[in-house]
Amino acid sequence: MAETTLRVLIVDDDEDDFVLSRELLRELQGWTCQVRWVQSVEAAKAEMAFAEYDLYLVDYRLGGQSGLDVLEWLRQHDRATPALLLTGVNDREVDEAAMRLGAADYLVKSELSAVLLERALRYALERARLLFEVEQGRREVEVLYRLSSALEQSGDAHDIMRDAMTLLAELTGVSSLLLWELRSDVAYLRHVQGALQASILQGFQDGLPRSAAPLWQAQAQHVPVYIEDAMSHSGVLTVFKLHGCRSLAHIPLDVSGTTFVLSSLRTQAVGWTPRDRRLLEAGARSVSVALERQRHLELLAAAALTDTLTGLGNRRAFDAALDEALNSARRHAYPVSVVSFDLDGLKSVNDGEGHARGDEFLQEFAQQMKKTLRQEDQLFRLGGDEFAAILRHTGIPGFKVLHERVRFAVANLRAAGFSEADVSTGIAAFPDEARSSGDLMRLSDERMYQEKLRHRQERLVDPADV
């Protein structure tokens, strides 16, 4: 399996500590690290301004200065590259300050190991990737917003149609706007703005079947259809004529593969001038952009919370769900447990059978765990081979049952063709063992890594299991 090259800048005024960090980086599996070392805040700033890196390892104490100054520089310059703060002591205030300045993790040098650094690095890179995707989505939405007209200042398509109606009524004399969504052979009325009477609209409750009407012509031809004299046009719906419609326009909109048609009715004048048409089409573009933006935001929100491979919630979803679960548990006084899972054997599958098989391994584990856990339990993929679960109404007495369920899932996983599969598990309970989400995760992770170490030792004792 090809290794990923990481460009790493180490900011540390102690050469021995630099050498230690460099050696730990060399032990990481799956990465080849190109390391550069600087010894001061000023040198770090100069280097960061000059070159790009994939990761920063920053010592907290840099002579008379602080590594927090480096983090502050990164924040001020909108650098999305993850940074890990290294320190000689475990200081909560420093930890919190580092997190506020955007550090991906806070590591104590005396506790540092290749395993801990690898985990922190995986988390930091995954976090940076997710933040990058969210930022890219935000920028796309912002571009759409800026390219759209002032009609898009409202929040959703209904509000934008209201604003468009106000503007178009003033400038073109339009009295009503109707937004249709075309599904198969039926047009469904989604929004109405203007003077069209509600009683007239009752005839559209079941949709408008496909016909030779101009609305369907606009959909078929993918171009606006303008009816100059609606009263004399045989294809105009009778209900529009009864409403006094004298001019009619249907403008098709393609929104993520779904066809909408924006209909403009005018009762005061006959015919559409070139200026009228330009304004109607500008209004239609505003509605189209609003619909696209709405759909994009919905998809982005869902994607930002979902692991695409397994369909489970991702780390972002886990963090939100854990906060919600703990808040509810505090209000109603019931226990909540957090479980950390590390899926053993993924690298072996990837190396021996390919990444496609590795993906199947992850998917199968997710399916087996969902079958094994209770319906109300929530399972998440945090990234790579790391998973987590939130178990409501489960305290320390439920730990044994959870471990039995995990072993059952492992047995099923092996029976499904993954003979080397195993899972290292750690679990921690609120409120008996920890009272904050961070403390719960730290404790469950510690226990998971202890079990992972036991599994490794067992494999060393019994070479047949390797």
Protein backbone atom coordinates (compact mmCIF):
# COMPACT_ATOMS: atom_id res chain seq x y z
CA MET A 1 0.00 0.00 0.00
CA ALA A 2 1.44 3.36 -1.05
CA GLU A 3 2.19 5.68 1.83
CA THR A 4 1.00 9.26 2.01
CA THR A 5 3.68 11.93 2.24
CA LEU A 6 3.12 14.49 4.98
CA ARG A 7 5.03 17.75 5.20
CA VAL A 8 5.52 18.42 8.92
CA LEU A 9 6.89 21.54 10.59
CA ILE A 10 8.16 20.98 14.15
CA VAL A 11 8.44 24.12 16.27
CA ASP A 12 10.52 23.23 19.35
CA ASP A 13 13.49 24.94 21.00
CA ASP A 14 14.80 21.67 22.46
CA GLU A 15 16.79 19.56 20.01
CA ASP A 16 16.31 16.37 22.03
CA ASP A 17 12.53 16.82 21.95
CA PHE A 18 12.70 17.52 18.23
CA VAL A 19 14.63 14.31 17.64
CA LEU A 20 12.08 12.36 19.70
CA SER A 21 9.17 13.83 17.74
CA ARG A 22 10.91 13.12 14.45
CA GLU A 23 11.52 9.49 15.42
CA LEU A 24 7.90 9.02 16.46
CA LEU A 25 6.80 10.42 13.12
CA ARG A 26 9.00 7.88 11.38
CA GLU A 27 7.21 5.08 13.24
CA LEU A 28 3.79 6.08 11.92
CA GLN A 29 2.16 3.55 9.64
CA GLY A 30 0.71 4.77 6.37
CA TRP A 31 2.63 8.04 6.24
CA THR A 32 6.06 9.19 5.12
CA CYS A 33 6.90 12.42 6.91
CA GLN A 34 9.09 15.15 5.46
CA VAL A 35 10.13 17.06 8.58
CA ARG A 36 11.46 20.58 8.96
CA TRP A 37 12.51 22.02 12.34
CA VAL A 38 12.51 25.60 13.62
CA GLN A 39 13.28 26.73 17.15
CA SER A 40 11.40 30.00 17.71
CA VAL A 41 8.09 31.74 17.13
CA GLU A 42 9.69 34.19 14.68
CA ALA A 43 11.29 31.40 12.67
CA ALA A 44 7.99 29.51 12.64
CA LYS A 45 6.09 32.54 11.34
CA ALA A 46 8.65 33.11 8.61
CA GLU A 47 8.56 29.45 7.60
CA MET A 48 4.75 29.24 7.64
CA ALA A 49 4.49 32.37 5.50
CA PHE A 50 6.97 30.94 3.01
CA ALA A 51 6.01 27.26 2.74
CA GLU A 52 2.94 25.06 3.04
CA TYR A 53 2.72 22.12 5.43
CA ASP A 54 0.27 19.33 6.16
CA LEU A 55 0.82 19.35 9.93
CA TYR A 56 2.39 21.52 12.62
CA LEU A 57 3.83 20.07 15.85
CA VAL A 58 4.25 23.04 18.17
CA ASP A 59 5.92 23.03 21.59
CA TYR A 60 4.12 25.11 24.23
CA ARG A 61 7.26 26.63 25.76
CA LEU A 62 9.63 28.23 23.26
CA GLY A 63 12.19 29.98 25.41
CA GLY A 64 10.49 33.10 26.72
CA GLN A 65 7.66 32.74 24.22
CA SER A 66 4.68 30.46 23.82
CA GLY A 67 3.58 28.04 21.15
CA LEU A 68 0.15 29.64 21.51
CA ASP A 69 1.60 32.57 19.56
CA VAL A 70 2.14 30.22 16.64
CA LEU A 71 -1.46 29.00 16.88
CA GLU A 72 -2.67 32.59 17.02
CA TRP A 73 -0.72 33.37 13.83
CA LEU A 74 -2.33 30.41 12.09
CA ARG A 75 -5.77 31.53 13.19
CA GLN A 76 -5.23 35.13 12.10
CA HIS A 77 -4.02 33.99 8.68
CA ASP A 78 -6.94 31.55 8.20
CA ARG A 79 -4.67 28.54 7.87
CA ALA A 80 -6.67 25.32 7.88
CA THR A 81 -3.61 23.09 8.37
CA PRO A 82 -3.99 21.08 11.61
CA ALA A 83 -1.68 21.83 14.53
CA LEU A 84 -0.87 19.65 17.55
CA LEU A 85 0.37 21.41 20.69
CA LEU A 86 3.08 19.57 22.66
CA THR A 87 3.79 20.37 26.30
CA GLY A 88 5.80 19.05 29.20
CA VAL A 89 2.91 19.26 31.68
CA ASN A 90 -0.79 18.52 31.64
CA ASP A 91 -2.36 21.95 32.09
CA ARG A 92 -6.11 22.33 31.58
CA GLU A 93 -5.90 26.07 30.97
CA VAL A 94 -3.28 25.59 28.27
CA ASP A 95 -5.39 22.80 26.79
CA GLU A 96 -8.45 25.05 26.60
CA ALA A 97 -6.44 27.97 25.20
CA ALA A 98 -5.00 25.72 22.51
CA MET A 99 -8.43 24.45 21.54
CA ARG A 100 -9.79 27.99 21.34
CA LEU A 101 -6.98 28.89 18.96
CA GLY A 102 -7.79 25.94 16.72
CA ALA A 103 -5.33 23.25 17.83
CA ALA A 104 -6.51 19.81 16.76
CA ASP A 105 -5.14 18.18 19.93
CA TYR A 106 -3.03 18.76 23.05
CA LEU A 107 -0.37 16.16 23.81
CA VAL A 108 1.81 15.75 26.90
CA LYS A 109 5.39 14.88 25.93
CA SER A 110 5.94 12.44 28.78
CA GLU A 111 2.91 10.43 27.61
CA LEU A 112 3.68 10.67 23.91
CA SER A 113 4.00 7.46 21.93
CA ALA A 114 3.75 6.47 18.30
CA VAL A 115 0.26 5.05 18.91
CA LEU A 116 -0.98 8.21 20.62
CA LEU A 117 0.61 10.44 17.99
CA GLU A 118 -0.86 8.35 15.19
CA ARG A 119 -4.33 8.57 16.70
CA ALA A 120 -4.02 12.33 17.20
CA LEU A 121 -2.73 12.73 13.66
CA ARG A 122 -5.59 10.69 12.20
CA TYR A 123 -8.10 12.76 14.12
CA ALA A 124 -6.40 16.03 13.16
CA LEU A 125 -6.28 15.22 9.46
CA GLU A 126 -9.87 13.93 9.44
CA ARG A 127 -11.02 17.03 11.29
CA ALA A 128 -9.15 19.26 8.85
CA ARG A 129 -10.69 17.41 5.91
CA LEU A 130 -14.21 17.82 7.27
CA LEU A 131 -13.66 21.48 8.02
CA PHE A 132 -12.28 21.95 4.51
CA GLU A 133 -15.35 20.30 2.98
CA VAL A 134 -17.70 22.42 5.06
CA GLU A 135 -15.73 25.54 4.15
CA GLN A 136 -15.85 24.62 0.47
CA GLY A 137 -19.60 24.16 0.76
CA ARG A 138 -19.92 27.48 2.53
CA ARG A 139 -17.97 29.23 -0.20
CA GLU A 140 -20.12 27.64 -2.89
CA VAL A 141 -23.24 28.90 -1.15
CA GLU A 142 -21.66 32.33 -0.76
CA VAL A 143 -20.83 32.50 -4.47
CA LEU A 144 -24.39 31.58 -5.36
CA TYR A 145 -25.62 34.24 -2.99
CA ARG A 146 -23.41 36.98 -4.44
CA LEU A 147 -24.22 36.08 -8.03
CA SER A 148 -27.92 36.20 -7.34
CA SER A 149 -29.92 39.42 -7.35
CA ALA A 150 -31.23 41.39 -4.39
CA LEU A 151 -34.35 39.22 -4.56
CA GLU A 152 -32.42 36.49 -2.76
CA GLN A 153 -32.11 38.35 0.51
CA SER A 154 -34.97 36.31 1.96
CA GLY A 155 -34.44 32.89 3.46
CA ASP A 156 -36.33 30.38 1.30
CA ALA A 157 -38.03 30.10 -2.08
CA HIS A 158 -41.39 31.17 -0.67
CA ASP A 159 -39.91 34.38 0.76
CA ILE A 160 -37.97 35.05 -2.42
CA MET A 161 -41.13 34.66 -4.50
CA ARG A 162 -42.80 37.19 -2.21
CA ASP A 163 -39.96 39.64 -2.72
CA ALA A 164 -39.91 38.93 -6.46
CA MET A 165 -43.65 39.49 -6.58
CA THR A 166 -43.25 42.92 -4.96
CA LEU A 167 -40.54 43.94 -7.40
CA LEU A 168 -42.15 42.50 -10.53
CA ALA A 169 -45.55 43.95 -9.66
CA GLU A 170 -43.97 47.38 -9.46
CA LEU A 171 -41.86 47.07 -12.61
CA THR A 172 -43.89 44.82 -14.92
CA GLY A 173 -47.43 44.81 -13.55
CA VAL A 174 -47.40 41.09 -12.68
CA SER A 175 -50.31 40.27 -10.38
CA SER A 176 -49.52 36.65 -9.43
CA LEU A 177 -46.58 34.22 -9.40
CA LEU A 178 -47.06 30.45 -9.32
CA LEU A 179 -44.26 27.92 -8.84
CA TRP A 180 -44.94 24.45 -10.24
CA GLU A 181 -42.91 21.31 -9.67
CA LEU A 182 -43.19 18.85 -12.55
CA ARG A 183 -43.09 15.19 -11.59
CA SER A 184 -43.60 12.65 -14.38
CA ASP A 185 -46.86 13.70 -16.06
CA VAL A 186 -48.24 15.91 -13.28
CA ALA A 187 -47.44 19.52 -12.36
CA TYR A 188 -47.85 20.26 -8.65
CA LEU A 189 -48.38 23.80 -7.39
CA ARG A 190 -45.77 24.50 -4.70
CA HIS A 191 -45.96 28.25 -4.03
CA VAL A 192 -48.32 31.09 -4.89
CA GLN A 193 -47.79 34.82 -4.47
CA GLY A 194 -50.09 37.64 -5.48
CA ALA A 195 -53.74 38.31 -6.11
CA LEU A 196 -54.88 34.90 -7.35
CA GLN A 197 -57.86 33.92 -5.23
CA ALA A 198 -57.47 30.91 -2.95
CA SER A 199 -60.79 29.46 -4.11
CA ILE A 200 -59.49 29.31 -7.68
CA LEU A 201 -56.45 27.33 -6.53
CA GLN A 202 -58.53 24.49 -5.10
CA GLY A 203 -58.72 22.99 -8.57
CA PHE A 204 -54.94 22.42 -8.50
CA GLN A 205 -54.81 20.39 -5.28
CA ASP A 206 -54.36 17.11 -7.16
CA GLY A 207 -51.93 18.59 -9.66
CA LEU A 208 -52.24 19.56 -13.30
CA PRO A 209 -52.00 16.56 -15.69
CA ARG A 210 -49.79 16.78 -18.76
CA SER A 211 -51.51 18.46 -21.70
CA ALA A 212 -50.88 20.82 -24.61
CA ALA A 213 -51.05 23.80 -22.24
CA PRO A 214 -48.20 26.36 -22.55
CA LEU A 215 -46.86 25.34 -19.12
CA TRP A 216 -46.00 21.88 -20.48
CA GLN A 217 -44.60 23.42 -23.67
CA ALA A 218 -42.11 25.38 -21.58
CA GLN A 219 -41.05 22.15 -19.87
CA ALA A 220 -40.74 20.21 -23.13
CA GLN A 221 -38.86 22.92 -25.03
CA HIS A 222 -36.70 24.10 -22.09
CA VAL A 223 -37.34 27.74 -23.05
CA PRO A 224 -39.66 30.43 -21.67
CA VAL A 225 -43.12 30.59 -23.23
CA TYR A 226 -44.72 34.04 -23.37
CA ILE A 227 -48.43 34.43 -24.08
CA GLU A 228 -49.06 37.97 -25.25
CA ASP A 229 -52.87 37.81 -25.28
CA ALA A 230 -54.03 35.17 -22.83
CA MET A 231 -57.75 35.74 -23.41
CA SER A 232 -57.54 34.78 -27.08
CA HIS A 233 -55.10 31.89 -26.61
CA SER A 234 -56.81 28.49 -26.74
CA GLY A 235 -54.15 26.78 -24.63
CA VAL A 236 -54.47 29.05 -21.58
CA LEU A 237 -56.28 27.42 -18.67
CA THR A 238 -59.85 28.56 -18.21
CA VAL A 239 -59.21 29.27 -14.53
CA PHE A 240 -56.61 31.88 -15.51
CA LYS A 241 -59.01 33.54 -17.93
CA LEU A 242 -61.70 33.63 -15.27
CA HIS A 243 -59.20 35.37 -13.04
CA GLY A 244 -58.81 38.07 -15.70
CA CYS A 245 -55.36 37.07 -16.89
CA ARG A 246 -54.42 39.12 -19.96
CA SER A 247 -50.75 38.13 -20.33
CA LEU A 248 -49.04 34.94 -19.17
CA ALA A 249 -45.44 33.70 -19.00
CA HIS A 250 -44.05 30.26 -18.13
CA ILE A 251 -40.30 30.06 -17.40
CA PRO A 252 -38.76 26.59 -16.86
CA LEU A 253 -36.18 26.07 -14.09
CA ASP A 254 -33.85 23.09 -13.79
CA VAL A 255 -32.97 22.54 -10.14
CA SER A 256 -30.66 19.56 -9.57
CA GLY A 257 -32.43 17.54 -12.23
CA THR A 258 -35.95 18.49 -11.12
CA THR A 259 -37.99 20.73 -13.43
CA PHE A 260 -39.90 23.66 -12.00
CA VAL A 261 -41.91 26.24 -13.94
CA LEU A 262 -42.45 29.79 -12.70
CA SER A 263 -45.71 31.21 -14.07
CA SER A 264 -46.31 34.98 -14.15
CA LEU A 265 -49.86 36.29 -14.58
CA ARG A 266 -50.75 39.87 -15.44
CA THR A 267 -54.27 41.31 -15.45
CA GLN A 268 -53.62 44.97 -16.29
CA ALA A 269 -51.90 44.93 -19.70
CA VAL A 270 -51.48 42.82 -22.83
CA GLY A 271 -48.07 41.78 -24.13
CA TRP A 272 -44.57 41.53 -22.72
CA THR A 273 -41.86 44.02 -23.65
CA PRO A 274 -38.19 42.95 -23.93
CA ARG A 275 -37.62 44.74 -20.62
CA ASP A 276 -40.49 42.81 -19.04
CA ARG A 277 -38.99 39.55 -20.24
CA ARG A 278 -35.55 40.39 -18.91
CA LEU A 279 -37.02 41.22 -15.51
CA LEU A 280 -39.19 38.09 -15.41
CA GLU A 281 -36.22 35.90 -16.28
CA ALA A 282 -34.06 37.65 -13.68
CA GLY A 283 -36.76 36.97 -11.10
CA ALA A 284 -36.93 33.35 -12.25
CA ARG A 285 -33.17 33.01 -11.88
CA SER A 286 -33.46 34.32 -8.33
CA VAL A 287 -36.08 31.71 -7.52
CA SER A 288 -33.99 29.02 -9.22
CA VAL A 289 -30.87 29.97 -7.27
CA ALA A 290 -32.88 29.98 -4.05
CA LEU A 291 -34.23 26.51 -4.75
CA GLU A 292 -30.77 25.27 -5.68
CA ARG A 293 -29.28 26.82 -2.57
CA GLN A 294 -31.98 25.31 -0.37
CA ARG A 295 -31.38 21.88 -1.83
CA HIS A 296 -27.61 22.29 -1.69
CA LEU A 297 -27.71 23.30 1.97
CA GLU A 298 -29.95 20.35 2.80
CA LEU A 299 -27.58 17.96 1.04
CA LEU A 300 -24.55 19.64 2.56
CA ALA A 301 -26.01 19.46 6.05
CA ALA A 302 -26.75 15.76 5.59
CA ALA A 303 -23.34 15.06 4.04
CA ALA A 304 -21.52 16.96 6.76
CA LEU A 305 -23.02 14.60 9.36
CA THR A 306 -22.78 11.30 7.47
CA ASP A 307 -19.96 8.88 6.76
CA THR A 308 -20.50 8.06 3.10
CA LEU A 309 -18.97 4.58 3.26
CA THR A 310 -21.01 3.12 6.12
CA GLY A 311 -23.99 5.46 6.24
CA LEU A 312 -23.31 6.04 9.94
CA GLY A 313 -23.07 9.43 11.53
CA ASN A 314 -19.54 10.88 11.46
CA ARG A 315 -17.48 12.58 14.16
CA ARG A 316 -19.36 15.84 13.75
CA ALA A 317 -22.65 14.01 14.22
CA PHE A 318 -21.21 12.10 17.19
CA ASP A 319 -20.11 15.28 18.97
CA ALA A 320 -23.56 16.83 18.55
CA ALA A 321 -25.38 13.64 19.57
CA LEU A 322 -23.21 13.18 22.66
CA ASP A 323 -23.83 16.75 23.82
CA GLU A 324 -27.57 16.24 23.33
CA ALA A 325 -27.53 12.88 25.13
CA LEU A 326 -25.64 14.27 28.13
CA ASN A 327 -27.91 17.31 28.37
CA SER A 328 -30.96 15.03 28.37
CA ALA A 329 -29.35 12.69 30.91
CA ARG A 330 -28.65 15.61 33.24
CA ARG A 331 -32.24 16.84 33.00
CA HIS A 332 -33.83 13.44 33.54
CA ALA A 333 -31.17 11.83 35.77
CA TYR A 334 -30.33 8.68 33.83
CA PRO A 335 -26.93 7.18 32.87
CA VAL A 336 -25.29 7.37 29.46
CA SER A 337 -22.29 5.36 28.32
CA VAL A 338 -19.84 6.11 25.53
CA VAL A 339 -18.10 3.27 23.72
CA SER A 340 -14.88 3.60 21.70
CA PHE A 341 -14.23 0.90 19.09
CA ASP A 342 -11.02 0.28 17.17
CA LEU A 343 -11.47 -2.26 14.38
CA ASP A 344 -8.44 -4.56 14.29
CA GLY A 345 -7.43 -6.17 11.02
CA LEU A 346 -8.29 -3.37 8.56
CA LYS A 347 -4.69 -2.83 7.48
CA SER A 348 -4.23 -6.55 6.94
CA VAL A 349 -7.32 -6.68 4.74
CA ASN A 350 -6.28 -3.59 2.79
CA ASP A 351 -2.75 -4.91 2.24
CA GLY A 352 -3.74 -8.46 1.42
CA GLU A 353 -7.04 -8.09 -0.41
CA GLY A 354 -7.23 -4.46 -1.54
CA HIS A 355 -9.00 -1.35 -0.38
CA ALA A 356 -12.34 -2.36 -1.89
CA ARG A 357 -12.34 -5.39 0.40
CA GLY A 358 -11.27 -3.12 3.25
CA ASP A 359 -14.31 -0.96 2.58
CA GLU A 360 -16.50 -4.07 2.71
CA PHE A 361 -14.86 -4.92 6.04
CA LEU A 362 -15.83 -1.53 7.48
CA GLN A 363 -19.35 -1.79 6.08
CA GLU A 364 -19.83 -5.31 7.43
CA PHE A 365 -18.64 -4.27 10.89
CA ALA A 366 -21.07 -1.34 10.87
CA GLN A 367 -23.92 -3.64 9.87
CA GLN A 368 -23.08 -6.28 12.47
CA MET A 369 -22.81 -3.71 15.24
CA LYS A 370 -26.13 -2.09 14.28
CA LYS A 371 -27.77 -5.51 14.43
CA THR A 372 -26.16 -6.25 17.79
CA LEU A 373 -26.79 -2.95 19.56
CA ARG A 374 -30.20 -1.92 20.81
CA GLN A 375 -32.46 0.08 18.53
CA GLU A 376 -32.05 3.20 20.66
CA ASP A 377 -28.24 2.95 20.69
CA GLN A 378 -26.40 5.26 18.29
CA LEU A 379 -23.37 4.08 16.30
CA PHE A 380 -20.89 6.40 14.55
CA ARG A 381 -17.76 6.10 12.43
CA LEU A 382 -15.23 8.65 13.64
CA GLY A 383 -12.77 7.99 10.82
CA GLY A 384 -10.51 5.22 9.56
CA ASP A 385 -11.05 2.15 11.73
CA GLU A 386 -12.39 4.10 14.71
CA PHE A 387 -16.06 3.88 15.69
CA ALA A 388 -18.04 5.06 18.70
CA ALA A 389 -21.45 4.44 20.22
CA ILE A 390 -23.73 6.32 22.58
CA LEU A 391 -25.79 4.10 24.89
CA ARG A 392 -28.59 5.89 26.71
CA HIS A 393 -29.89 4.44 29.98
CA THR A 394 -26.74 2.32 30.26
CA GLY A 395 -24.38 2.60 33.21
CA ILE A 396 -21.56 0.51 34.64
CA PRO A 397 -23.83 -2.55 35.20
CA GLY A 398 -24.41 -2.67 31.45
CA PHE A 399 -20.71 -2.91 30.52
CA LYS A 400 -20.66 -6.71 30.59
CA VAL A 401 -23.65 -7.00 28.27
CA LEU A 402 -22.07 -4.54 25.87
CA HIS A 403 -18.84 -6.54 25.71
CA GLU A 404 -20.85 -9.72 25.07
CA ARG A 405 -22.64 -8.01 22.20
CA VAL A 406 -19.34 -6.88 20.73
CA ARG A 407 -17.93 -10.40 20.86
CA PHE A 408 -21.10 -11.66 19.16
CA ALA A 409 -20.65 -9.08 16.41
CA VAL A 410 -16.99 -10.08 16.00
CA ALA A 411 -18.01 -13.73 15.63
CA ASN A 412 -20.49 -12.77 12.92
CA LEU A 413 -17.85 -10.61 11.25
CA ARG A 414 -15.45 -13.53 11.11
CA ALA A 415 -18.20 -15.79 9.82
CA ALA A 416 -18.80 -13.28 7.03
CA GLY A 417 -15.31 -13.94 5.69
CA PHE A 418 -13.09 -11.64 7.75
CA SER A 419 -11.24 -14.27 9.76
CA GLU A 420 -8.67 -11.87 11.26
CA ALA A 421 -11.27 -9.40 12.46
CA ASP A 422 -11.27 -8.24 16.04
CA VAL A 423 -12.43 -5.17 17.92
CA SER A 424 -10.80 -3.32 20.78
CA THR A 425 -13.43 -1.72 22.98
CA GLY A 426 -13.43 0.88 25.73
CA ILE A 427 -16.49 2.13 27.59
CA ALA A 428 -17.10 4.89 30.12
CA ALA A 429 -20.27 5.87 31.98
CA PHE A 430 -21.87 9.20 32.82
CA PRO A 431 -22.23 10.32 35.57
CA ASP A 432 -20.47 7.64 37.66
CA GLU A 433 -17.08 7.83 35.91
CA ALA A 434 -17.05 11.14 34.06
CA ARG A 435 -19.35 14.14 33.77
CA SER A 436 -18.24 15.84 30.56
CA SER A 437 -18.11 14.64 26.98
CA GLY A 438 -14.36 15.19 26.82
CA ASP A 439 -13.69 13.20 29.99
CA LEU A 440 -15.97 10.40 28.82
CA MET A 441 -14.15 10.15 25.50
CA ARG A 442 -10.73 10.24 27.11
CA LEU A 443 -11.65 7.47 29.53
CA SER A 444 -13.28 5.26 26.90
CA ASP A 445 -10.31 5.80 24.56
CA GLU A 446 -7.86 4.89 27.31
CA ARG A 447 -9.71 1.66 28.02
CA MET A 448 -9.96 0.88 24.32
CA TYR A 449 -6.19 1.30 23.86
CA GLN A 450 -5.55 -0.87 26.92
CA GLU A 451 -7.63 -3.62 25.33
CA LYS A 452 -5.89 -3.09 22.00
CA LEU A 453 -2.54 -3.58 23.76
CA ARG A 454 -3.82 -6.79 25.36
CA HIS A 455 -4.91 -8.06 21.95
CA ARG A 456 -1.43 -7.39 20.57
CA GLN A 457 0.22 -9.17 23.48
CA GLU A 458 -2.09 -12.16 23.01
CA ARG A 459 -1.15 -12.38 19.34
CA LEU A 460 2.53 -12.30 20.26
CA VAL A 461 2.01 -15.15 22.71
CA ASP A 462 0.13 -17.24 20.14
CA PRO A 463 1.77 -16.87 16.71
CA ALA A 464 -1.06 -18.88 15.13
CA ASP A 465 -3.33 -15.91 15.69
CA VAL A 466 -1.04 -13.42 13.97
